[in-house]
Amino acid sequence: MTQRIALRTRPRPGAEEAYDREHATIPADLEAQMRAAGVHTWKIWRDGLDLFHYIEADDYAALQDRLRLSEADLAWQRRMNRLLDGDFDPSATGMRMVWQMEAPAP
């Protein structure tokens, strides 16, 4: 069963535009590793200094365990963490869902 995870991070004040520019694409080798580790979807929205991540993955904890050994991910985290207010926490389990509206049955 696919897990759906929501995370929140924050860019450093003044780094919003740089974050958007640098995160417009990710390295192809990192994307390939993420897909091989079970990521189906990863979307990020920004509202001012709030970044909201939505992830669909086979097993988010296993994904993070696998990426801990990835040179491509380590390089990406170093690159992006300089723009974040606090480093990305791969052990975060996500936000708690409060409410949702499903599409009506056909």
N, C-alpha and C. Protein backbone atom coordinates (compact mmCIF):
# COMPACT_ATOMS: atom_id res chain seq x y z
N MET A 1 0.83 -1.19 0.00
CA MET A 1 0.00 0.00 0.00
C MET A 1 0.88 1.25 0.00
N THR A 2 0.55 2.20 -0.82
CA THR A 2 1.31 3.44 -0.92
C THR A 2 1.07 4.32 0.29
N GLN A 3 2.15 4.83 0.86
CA GLN A 3 2.03 5.78 1.96
C GLN A 3 1.92 7.19 1.40
N ARG A 4 1.14 8.01 2.05
CA ARG A 4 1.02 9.42 1.71
C ARG A 4 1.52 10.22 2.90
N ILE A 5 2.56 11.01 2.67
CA ILE A 5 3.24 11.74 3.74
C ILE A 5 3.20 13.23 3.41
N ALA A 6 2.95 14.06 4.41
CA ALA A 6 3.05 15.52 4.28
C ALA A 6 4.11 16.00 5.26
N LEU A 7 5.01 16.82 4.78
CA LEU A 7 6.08 17.38 5.61
C LEU A 7 6.09 18.90 5.48
N ARG A 8 6.68 19.55 6.44
CA ARG A 8 6.82 21.00 6.40
C ARG A 8 8.29 21.33 6.66
N THR A 9 8.85 22.21 5.83
CA THR A 9 10.18 22.77 6.06
C THR A 9 10.09 24.26 5.80
N ARG A 10 11.16 24.98 6.10
CA ARG A 10 11.17 26.43 5.91
C ARG A 10 12.49 26.86 5.30
N PRO A 11 12.43 27.70 4.25
CA PRO A 11 13.68 28.29 3.76
C PRO A 11 14.14 29.38 4.73
N ARG A 12 15.40 29.67 4.71
CA ARG A 12 15.91 30.79 5.51
C ARG A 12 15.29 32.08 4.97
N PRO A 13 14.99 33.03 5.83
CA PRO A 13 14.47 34.31 5.34
C PRO A 13 15.44 34.90 4.31
N GLY A 14 14.91 35.29 3.18
CA GLY A 14 15.70 35.84 2.10
C GLY A 14 16.19 34.80 1.10
N ALA A 15 16.02 33.51 1.42
CA ALA A 15 16.49 32.45 0.52
C ALA A 15 15.36 31.84 -0.29
N GLU A 16 14.16 32.41 -0.21
CA GLU A 16 12.99 31.81 -0.87
C GLU A 16 13.19 31.66 -2.37
N GLU A 17 13.60 32.71 -3.03
CA GLU A 17 13.75 32.67 -4.48
C GLU A 17 14.88 31.74 -4.90
N ALA A 18 15.96 31.74 -4.14
CA ALA A 18 17.07 30.82 -4.44
C ALA A 18 16.61 29.38 -4.27
N TYR A 19 15.83 29.11 -3.23
CA TYR A 19 15.30 27.76 -3.03
C TYR A 19 14.45 27.35 -4.23
N ASP A 20 13.53 28.24 -4.65
CA ASP A 20 12.68 27.93 -5.80
C ASP A 20 13.51 27.63 -7.05
N ARG A 21 14.52 28.47 -7.32
CA ARG A 21 15.37 28.30 -8.50
C ARG A 21 16.13 26.97 -8.44
N GLU A 22 16.78 26.73 -7.31
CA GLU A 22 17.62 25.53 -7.20
C GLU A 22 16.79 24.26 -7.14
N HIS A 23 15.57 24.36 -6.65
CA HIS A 23 14.74 23.16 -6.52
C HIS A 23 13.81 22.97 -7.71
N ALA A 24 13.94 23.80 -8.73
CA ALA A 24 13.09 23.67 -9.92
C ALA A 24 13.33 22.32 -10.60
N THR A 25 14.55 21.82 -10.51
CA THR A 25 14.88 20.48 -11.01
C THR A 25 15.83 19.85 -10.01
N ILE A 26 15.82 18.53 -9.97
CA ILE A 26 16.78 17.82 -9.13
C ILE A 26 17.69 17.00 -10.04
N PRO A 27 18.87 16.62 -9.55
CA PRO A 27 19.77 15.83 -10.39
C PRO A 27 19.11 14.53 -10.85
N ALA A 28 19.34 14.17 -12.09
CA ALA A 28 18.72 12.97 -12.67
C ALA A 28 19.08 11.71 -11.90
N ASP A 29 20.34 11.61 -11.42
CA ASP A 29 20.72 10.41 -10.68
C ASP A 29 19.97 10.32 -9.35
N LEU A 30 19.72 11.46 -8.72
CA LEU A 30 18.95 11.47 -7.47
C LEU A 30 17.50 11.07 -7.74
N GLU A 31 16.90 11.62 -8.79
CA GLU A 31 15.53 11.24 -9.12
C GLU A 31 15.43 9.74 -9.40
N ALA A 32 16.38 9.20 -10.13
CA ALA A 32 16.36 7.77 -10.44
C ALA A 32 16.48 6.94 -9.16
N GLN A 33 17.33 7.36 -8.24
CA GLN A 33 17.47 6.63 -6.98
C GLN A 33 16.19 6.72 -6.15
N MET A 34 15.55 7.88 -6.13
CA MET A 34 14.31 8.05 -5.38
C MET A 34 13.21 7.16 -5.95
N ARG A 35 13.12 7.13 -7.27
CA ARG A 35 12.10 6.27 -7.91
C ARG A 35 12.40 4.80 -7.64
N ALA A 36 13.66 4.40 -7.71
CA ALA A 36 14.03 3.01 -7.43
C ALA A 36 13.75 2.64 -5.98
N ALA A 37 13.78 3.63 -5.09
CA ALA A 37 13.51 3.39 -3.67
C ALA A 37 12.02 3.46 -3.34
N GLY A 38 11.16 3.67 -4.37
CA GLY A 38 9.73 3.59 -4.15
C GLY A 38 8.96 4.89 -4.13
N VAL A 39 9.58 6.00 -4.53
CA VAL A 39 8.84 7.26 -4.59
C VAL A 39 8.01 7.29 -5.87
N HIS A 40 6.72 7.55 -5.72
CA HIS A 40 5.82 7.70 -6.86
C HIS A 40 5.62 9.18 -7.17
N THR A 41 5.46 9.98 -6.13
CA THR A 41 5.19 11.41 -6.26
C THR A 41 5.88 12.15 -5.13
N TRP A 42 6.46 13.31 -5.45
CA TRP A 42 6.97 14.21 -4.41
C TRP A 42 6.72 15.61 -4.94
N LYS A 43 5.85 16.35 -4.27
CA LYS A 43 5.50 17.71 -4.67
C LYS A 43 5.83 18.65 -3.53
N ILE A 44 6.26 19.86 -3.87
CA ILE A 44 6.56 20.87 -2.85
C ILE A 44 5.84 22.16 -3.25
N TRP A 45 5.11 22.73 -2.29
CA TRP A 45 4.49 24.04 -2.46
C TRP A 45 5.15 24.99 -1.47
N ARG A 46 5.27 26.26 -1.87
CA ARG A 46 5.81 27.27 -0.97
C ARG A 46 4.80 28.39 -0.80
N ASP A 47 4.59 28.77 0.45
CA ASP A 47 3.76 29.92 0.81
C ASP A 47 4.61 30.78 1.73
N GLY A 48 5.22 31.82 1.18
CA GLY A 48 6.12 32.64 1.98
C GLY A 48 7.29 31.81 2.46
N LEU A 49 7.40 31.66 3.78
CA LEU A 49 8.48 30.87 4.36
C LEU A 49 8.02 29.46 4.76
N ASP A 50 6.90 29.03 4.26
CA ASP A 50 6.42 27.68 4.56
C ASP A 50 6.51 26.82 3.31
N LEU A 51 7.22 25.70 3.42
CA LEU A 51 7.31 24.72 2.36
C LEU A 51 6.51 23.49 2.78
N PHE A 52 5.60 23.06 1.93
CA PHE A 52 4.79 21.89 2.21
C PHE A 52 5.13 20.81 1.19
N HIS A 53 5.54 19.65 1.68
CA HIS A 53 5.92 18.52 0.84
C HIS A 53 4.79 17.49 0.88
N TYR A 54 4.43 16.95 -0.26
CA TYR A 54 3.48 15.85 -0.35
C TYR A 54 4.20 14.71 -1.07
N ILE A 55 4.28 13.56 -0.40
CA ILE A 55 5.02 12.43 -0.92
C ILE A 55 4.12 11.20 -0.97
N GLU A 56 4.19 10.48 -2.07
CA GLU A 56 3.59 9.15 -2.16
C GLU A 56 4.74 8.19 -2.41
N ALA A 57 4.89 7.23 -1.49
CA ALA A 57 6.00 6.29 -1.58
C ALA A 57 5.56 4.93 -1.05
N ASP A 58 6.27 3.91 -1.49
CA ASP A 58 5.96 2.56 -1.01
C ASP A 58 6.19 2.47 0.50
N ASP A 59 7.33 2.98 0.97
CA ASP A 59 7.69 2.91 2.39
C ASP A 59 8.63 4.07 2.67
N TYR A 60 8.11 5.14 3.29
CA TYR A 60 8.89 6.36 3.47
C TYR A 60 10.12 6.13 4.34
N ALA A 61 9.97 5.36 5.43
CA ALA A 61 11.11 5.09 6.31
C ALA A 61 12.20 4.32 5.56
N ALA A 62 11.80 3.33 4.77
CA ALA A 62 12.78 2.56 3.98
C ALA A 62 13.45 3.45 2.94
N LEU A 63 12.69 4.35 2.34
CA LEU A 63 13.24 5.31 1.38
C LEU A 63 14.35 6.12 2.04
N GLN A 64 14.08 6.68 3.21
CA GLN A 64 15.08 7.51 3.89
C GLN A 64 16.29 6.68 4.31
N ASP A 65 16.07 5.44 4.75
CA ASP A 65 17.20 4.57 5.09
C ASP A 65 18.09 4.34 3.86
N ARG A 66 17.46 4.12 2.73
CA ARG A 66 18.21 3.86 1.49
C ARG A 66 18.96 5.12 1.04
N LEU A 67 18.32 6.28 1.15
CA LEU A 67 18.96 7.52 0.69
C LEU A 67 20.12 7.94 1.60
N ARG A 68 20.12 7.50 2.85
CA ARG A 68 21.24 7.84 3.75
C ARG A 68 22.58 7.37 3.20
N LEU A 69 22.54 6.36 2.35
CA LEU A 69 23.76 5.80 1.76
C LEU A 69 24.05 6.36 0.37
N SER A 70 23.24 7.28 -0.10
CA SER A 70 23.34 7.79 -1.46
C SER A 70 24.21 9.04 -1.53
N GLU A 71 25.29 8.95 -2.28
CA GLU A 71 26.14 10.14 -2.48
C GLU A 71 25.35 11.26 -3.16
N ALA A 72 24.48 10.89 -4.11
CA ALA A 72 23.67 11.90 -4.80
C ALA A 72 22.76 12.63 -3.82
N ASP A 73 22.14 11.91 -2.89
CA ASP A 73 21.26 12.55 -1.91
C ASP A 73 22.07 13.36 -0.91
N LEU A 74 23.19 12.84 -0.46
CA LEU A 74 24.02 13.60 0.48
C LEU A 74 24.46 14.93 -0.14
N ALA A 75 24.87 14.90 -1.40
CA ALA A 75 25.27 16.13 -2.09
C ALA A 75 24.08 17.09 -2.22
N TRP A 76 22.89 16.54 -2.53
CA TRP A 76 21.69 17.36 -2.66
C TRP A 76 21.32 18.00 -1.32
N GLN A 77 21.38 17.22 -0.25
CA GLN A 77 21.04 17.75 1.07
C GLN A 77 22.00 18.87 1.48
N ARG A 78 23.29 18.69 1.21
CA ARG A 78 24.26 19.76 1.50
C ARG A 78 23.90 21.02 0.72
N ARG A 79 23.57 20.85 -0.54
CA ARG A 79 23.23 21.99 -1.41
C ARG A 79 21.97 22.71 -0.92
N MET A 80 20.93 21.94 -0.59
CA MET A 80 19.65 22.55 -0.21
C MET A 80 19.62 23.00 1.25
N ASN A 81 20.29 22.28 2.14
CA ASN A 81 20.23 22.63 3.56
C ASN A 81 20.81 24.01 3.84
N ARG A 82 21.71 24.49 2.99
CA ARG A 82 22.24 25.85 3.20
C ARG A 82 21.16 26.90 3.01
N LEU A 83 20.06 26.54 2.33
CA LEU A 83 18.95 27.46 2.08
C LEU A 83 17.81 27.29 3.08
N LEU A 84 17.88 26.24 3.91
CA LEU A 84 16.78 25.95 4.83
C LEU A 84 17.05 26.49 6.22
N ASP A 85 15.98 26.81 6.91
CA ASP A 85 16.03 27.23 8.31
C ASP A 85 15.99 25.94 9.14
N GLY A 86 17.13 25.33 9.34
CA GLY A 86 17.21 23.99 9.94
C GLY A 86 17.32 22.98 8.82
N ASP A 87 18.10 21.96 9.03
CA ASP A 87 18.31 20.94 8.00
C ASP A 87 17.05 20.11 7.78
N PHE A 88 16.92 19.55 6.58
CA PHE A 88 15.85 18.59 6.30
C PHE A 88 16.06 17.39 7.21
N ASP A 89 15.00 16.96 7.89
CA ASP A 89 15.09 15.86 8.83
C ASP A 89 14.53 14.59 8.19
N PRO A 90 15.39 13.68 7.72
CA PRO A 90 14.89 12.48 7.05
C PRO A 90 14.15 11.53 7.99
N SER A 91 14.29 11.73 9.30
CA SER A 91 13.59 10.85 10.24
C SER A 91 12.18 11.35 10.56
N ALA A 92 11.81 12.53 10.05
CA ALA A 92 10.47 13.07 10.29
C ALA A 92 9.43 12.11 9.69
N THR A 93 8.38 11.87 10.41
CA THR A 93 7.35 10.94 9.94
C THR A 93 6.18 11.65 9.29
N GLY A 94 6.20 12.97 9.26
CA GLY A 94 5.16 13.72 8.56
C GLY A 94 4.14 14.35 9.50
N MET A 95 3.34 15.18 8.91
CA MET A 95 2.28 15.87 9.65
C MET A 95 1.10 14.92 9.84
N ARG A 96 0.38 15.14 10.89
CA ARG A 96 -0.82 14.34 11.17
C ARG A 96 -1.98 14.88 10.35
N MET A 97 -2.68 13.99 9.64
CA MET A 97 -3.82 14.42 8.84
C MET A 97 -4.99 14.72 9.76
N VAL A 98 -5.63 15.85 9.52
CA VAL A 98 -6.78 16.27 10.32
C VAL A 98 -8.08 16.03 9.56
N TRP A 99 -8.08 16.27 8.26
CA TRP A 99 -9.31 16.19 7.47
C TRP A 99 -8.96 15.99 6.02
N GLN A 100 -9.85 15.34 5.29
CA GLN A 100 -9.71 15.22 3.84
C GLN A 100 -11.06 15.05 3.20
N MET A 101 -11.15 15.42 1.95
CA MET A 101 -12.36 15.21 1.15
C MET A 101 -11.97 14.34 -0.02
N GLU A 102 -12.60 13.21 -0.16
CA GLU A 102 -12.31 12.29 -1.25
C GLU A 102 -13.20 12.63 -2.44
N ALA A 103 -12.75 12.20 -3.61
CA ALA A 103 -13.57 12.36 -4.81
C ALA A 103 -14.80 11.47 -4.67
N PRO A 104 -15.95 11.92 -5.17
CA PRO A 104 -17.15 11.08 -5.07
C PRO A 104 -16.99 9.82 -5.92
N ALA A 105 -17.63 8.76 -5.49
CA ALA A 105 -17.59 7.52 -6.25
C ALA A 105 -18.31 7.71 -7.58
N PRO A 106 -17.79 7.08 -8.64
CA PRO A 106 -18.42 7.26 -9.97
C PRO A 106 -19.81 6.65 -10.05
